[in-house]
């Protein structure tokens, strides 16, 4: 979007930024997935404010549970799952236009 003669990146421009990043530095598939997931999360949070509230609630419940259950925390740490606990996992991706579909298909190939 252009505003006052200066370029402002919208949430949707993050996909274009990822495309440049991939082309210029040969990012790993894990880095691409992380960038894509982050961009989708930011976009969804902007469109659905309660999504951010849900993420905060999940983080709070996870923290309280791990404080009360040291056995669970230890098991997560031993299995290297502890650091992944708060990583967002998106089971569905909303695509609104044909351009969204083709751009996403290119990243997921």
C-alpha atoms as a PDB file:
ATOM      1  CA  UNK A   1       0.000   0.000   0.000  1.00  0.00           C
ATOM      2  CA  UNK A   2       1.254   3.508  -0.703  1.00  0.00           C
ATOM      3  CA  UNK A   3       0.691   6.258   1.801  1.00  0.00           C
ATOM      4  CA  UNK A   4       2.073   9.775   1.640  1.00  0.00           C
ATOM      5  CA  UNK A   5       4.560   8.801  -1.042  1.00  0.00           C
ATOM      6  CA  UNK A   6       6.229   6.272   1.238  1.00  0.00           C
ATOM      7  CA  UNK A   7       5.887   2.518   0.986  1.00  0.00           C
ATOM      8  CA  UNK A   8       4.283   0.787   3.960  1.00  0.00           C
ATOM      9  CA  UNK A   9       4.379  -3.002   4.126  1.00  0.00           C
ATOM     10  CA  UNK A  10       1.053  -4.622   4.699  1.00  0.00           C
ATOM     11  CA  UNK A  11       0.691  -8.101   6.191  1.00  0.00           C
ATOM     12  CA  UNK A  12       0.133  -9.444   2.700  1.00  0.00           C
ATOM     13  CA  UNK A  13       3.485  -8.069   1.521  1.00  0.00           C
ATOM     14  CA  UNK A  14       5.221 -10.503   3.871  1.00  0.00           C
ATOM     15  CA  UNK A  15       4.648 -13.278   1.342  1.00  0.00           C
ATOM     16  CA  UNK A  16       6.485 -11.222  -1.278  1.00  0.00           C
ATOM     17  CA  UNK A  17       9.280 -10.614   1.222  1.00  0.00           C
ATOM     18  CA  UNK A  18       9.555 -14.363   1.799  1.00  0.00           C
ATOM     19  CA  UNK A  19       9.844 -14.925  -1.947  1.00  0.00           C
ATOM     20  CA  UNK A  20      12.763 -12.478  -2.117  1.00  0.00           C
ATOM     21  CA  UNK A  21      14.404 -14.055   0.940  1.00  0.00           C
ATOM     22  CA  UNK A  22      14.192 -17.519  -0.576  1.00  0.00           C
ATOM     23  CA  UNK A  23      15.611 -16.338  -3.895  1.00  0.00           C
ATOM     24  CA  UNK A  24      18.462 -14.363  -2.354  1.00  0.00           C
ATOM     25  CA  UNK A  25      19.700 -16.520   0.516  1.00  0.00           C
ATOM     26  CA  UNK A  26      18.423 -19.997  -0.254  1.00  0.00           C
ATOM     27  CA  UNK A  27      16.536 -20.391   3.010  1.00  0.00           C
ATOM     28  CA  UNK A  28      15.925 -23.879   4.349  1.00  0.00           C
ATOM     29  CA  UNK A  29      12.467 -25.391   4.174  1.00  0.00           C
ATOM     30  CA  UNK A  30      12.177 -24.992   7.969  1.00  0.00           C
ATOM     31  CA  UNK A  31      12.931 -21.272   7.697  1.00  0.00           C
ATOM     32  CA  UNK A  32      10.407 -20.895   4.885  1.00  0.00           C
ATOM     33  CA  UNK A  33       7.711 -22.685   6.906  1.00  0.00           C
ATOM     34  CA  UNK A  34       8.491 -20.517   9.940  1.00  0.00           C
ATOM     35  CA  UNK A  35       8.249 -17.305   7.903  1.00  0.00           C
ATOM     36  CA  UNK A  36       5.070 -18.450   6.199  1.00  0.00           C
ATOM     37  CA  UNK A  37       3.444 -19.526   9.454  1.00  0.00           C
ATOM     38  CA  UNK A  38       4.403 -16.220  11.086  1.00  0.00           C
ATOM     39  CA  UNK A  39       2.970 -14.223   8.204  1.00  0.00           C
ATOM     40  CA  UNK A  40      -0.259 -16.236   8.297  1.00  0.00           C
ATOM     41  CA  UNK A  41      -0.513 -15.770  12.055  1.00  0.00           C
ATOM     42  CA  UNK A  42       0.045 -12.011  11.791  1.00  0.00           C
ATOM     43  CA  UNK A  43      -2.549 -11.739   9.044  1.00  0.00           C
ATOM     44  CA  UNK A  44      -5.095 -13.803  10.973  1.00  0.00           C
ATOM     45  CA  UNK A  45      -4.454 -11.844  14.172  1.00  0.00           C
ATOM     46  CA  UNK A  46      -5.064  -8.583  12.284  1.00  0.00           C
ATOM     47  CA  UNK A  47      -8.318  -9.913  10.823  1.00  0.00           C
ATOM     48  CA  UNK A  48      -9.540 -11.744  13.948  1.00  0.00           C
ATOM     49  CA  UNK A  49      -8.365  -9.988  17.127  1.00  0.00           C
ATOM     50  CA  UNK A  50      -9.657 -12.805  19.339  1.00  0.00           C
ATOM     51  CA  UNK A  51      -7.058 -15.097  17.754  1.00  0.00           C
ATOM     52  CA  UNK A  52      -4.379 -13.132  19.630  1.00  0.00           C
ATOM     53  CA  UNK A  53      -6.373 -13.497  22.837  1.00  0.00           C
ATOM     54  CA  UNK A  54      -6.596 -17.252  22.224  1.00  0.00           C
ATOM     55  CA  UNK A  55      -2.814 -17.510  21.799  1.00  0.00           C
ATOM     56  CA  UNK A  56      -2.302 -15.647  25.073  1.00  0.00           C
ATOM     57  CA  UNK A  57      -4.760 -17.939  26.854  1.00  0.00           C
ATOM     58  CA  UNK A  58      -2.992 -21.057  25.539  1.00  0.00           C
ATOM     59  CA  UNK A  59       0.402 -19.705  26.642  1.00  0.00           C
ATOM     60  CA  UNK A  60      -0.970 -18.912  30.125  1.00  0.00           C
ATOM     61  CA  UNK A  61      -2.529 -22.367  30.534  1.00  0.00           C
ATOM     62  CA  UNK A  62       0.675 -24.041  29.327  1.00  0.00           C
ATOM     63  CA  UNK A  63       2.794 -22.028  31.780  1.00  0.00           C
ATOM     64  CA  UNK A  64       0.494 -22.753  34.739  1.00  0.00           C
ATOM     65  CA  UNK A  65       0.325 -26.451  33.886  1.00  0.00           C
ATOM     66  CA  UNK A  66       4.088 -26.775  33.616  1.00  0.00           C
ATOM     67  CA  UNK A  67       4.564 -25.004  36.961  1.00  0.00           C
ATOM     68  CA  UNK A  68       2.216 -27.487  38.639  1.00  0.00           C
ATOM     69  CA  UNK A  69       3.413 -30.624  36.826  1.00  0.00           C
ATOM     70  CA  UNK A  70       7.192 -31.003  36.993  1.00  0.00           C
ATOM     71  CA  UNK A  71       6.978 -34.552  35.618  1.00  0.00           C
ATOM     72  CA  UNK A  72       5.286 -33.295  32.455  1.00  0.00           C
ATOM     73  CA  UNK A  73       7.812 -30.487  32.097  1.00  0.00           C
ATOM     74  CA  UNK A  74      10.700 -32.925  32.546  1.00  0.00           C
ATOM     75  CA  UNK A  75       9.254 -35.281  29.943  1.00  0.00           C
ATOM     76  CA  UNK A  76       8.887 -32.437  27.451  1.00  0.00           C
ATOM     77  CA  UNK A  77      12.451 -31.300  28.104  1.00  0.00           C
ATOM     78  CA  UNK A  78      13.879 -34.830  27.755  1.00  0.00           C
ATOM     79  CA  UNK A  79      12.074 -35.396  24.469  1.00  0.00           C
ATOM     80  CA  UNK A  80      13.138 -31.987  23.062  1.00  0.00           C
ATOM     81  CA  UNK A  81       9.475 -30.967  22.820  1.00  0.00           C
ATOM     82  CA  UNK A  82       9.592 -28.205  25.450  1.00  0.00           C
ATOM     83  CA  UNK A  83      10.884 -25.507  23.072  1.00  0.00           C
ATOM     84  CA  UNK A  84       8.228 -26.456  20.520  1.00  0.00           C
ATOM     85  CA  UNK A  85       5.345 -26.158  22.968  1.00  0.00           C
ATOM     86  CA  UNK A  86       4.404 -22.583  22.095  1.00  0.00           C
ATOM     87  CA  UNK A  87       5.085 -22.779  18.380  1.00  0.00           C
ATOM     88  CA  UNK A  88       1.921 -22.081  16.452  1.00  0.00           C
ATOM     89  CA  UNK A  89       0.778 -24.900  14.257  1.00  0.00           C
ATOM     90  CA  UNK A  90      -1.632 -24.069  11.502  1.00  0.00           C
ATOM     91  CA  UNK A  91      -3.767 -26.944  10.354  1.00  0.00           C
ATOM     92  CA  UNK A  92      -5.550 -24.919   7.708  1.00  0.00           C
ATOM     93  CA  UNK A  93      -4.622 -22.068   5.460  1.00  0.00           C
ATOM     94  CA  UNK A  94      -7.281 -19.699   4.190  1.00  0.00           C
ATOM     95  CA  UNK A  95      -6.813 -18.666   0.593  1.00  0.00           C
ATOM     96  CA  UNK A  96      -9.055 -15.927  -0.698  1.00  0.00           C
ATOM     97  CA  UNK A  97      -8.057 -15.386  -4.288  1.00  0.00           C
ATOM     98  CA  UNK A  98      -6.558 -17.241  -7.199  1.00  0.00           C
ATOM     99  CA  UNK A  99      -3.309 -15.294  -6.665  1.00  0.00           C
ATOM    100  CA  UNK A 100      -3.244 -16.487  -3.017  1.00  0.00           C
ATOM    101  CA  UNK A 101      -3.665 -20.063  -4.231  1.00  0.00           C
ATOM    102  CA  UNK A 102      -0.903 -19.917  -6.825  1.00  0.00           C
ATOM    103  CA  UNK A 103       1.522 -18.109  -4.514  1.00  0.00           C
ATOM    104  CA  UNK A 104       0.917 -20.600  -1.729  1.00  0.00           C
ATOM    105  CA  UNK A 105       1.208 -23.551  -4.086  1.00  0.00           C
ATOM    106  CA  UNK A 106       4.611 -22.301  -5.207  1.00  0.00           C
ATOM    107  CA  UNK A 107       5.861 -22.199  -1.607  1.00  0.00           C
ATOM    108  CA  UNK A 108       4.452 -25.592  -0.722  1.00  0.00           C
ATOM    109  CA  UNK A 109       5.974 -27.480  -3.651  1.00  0.00           C
END
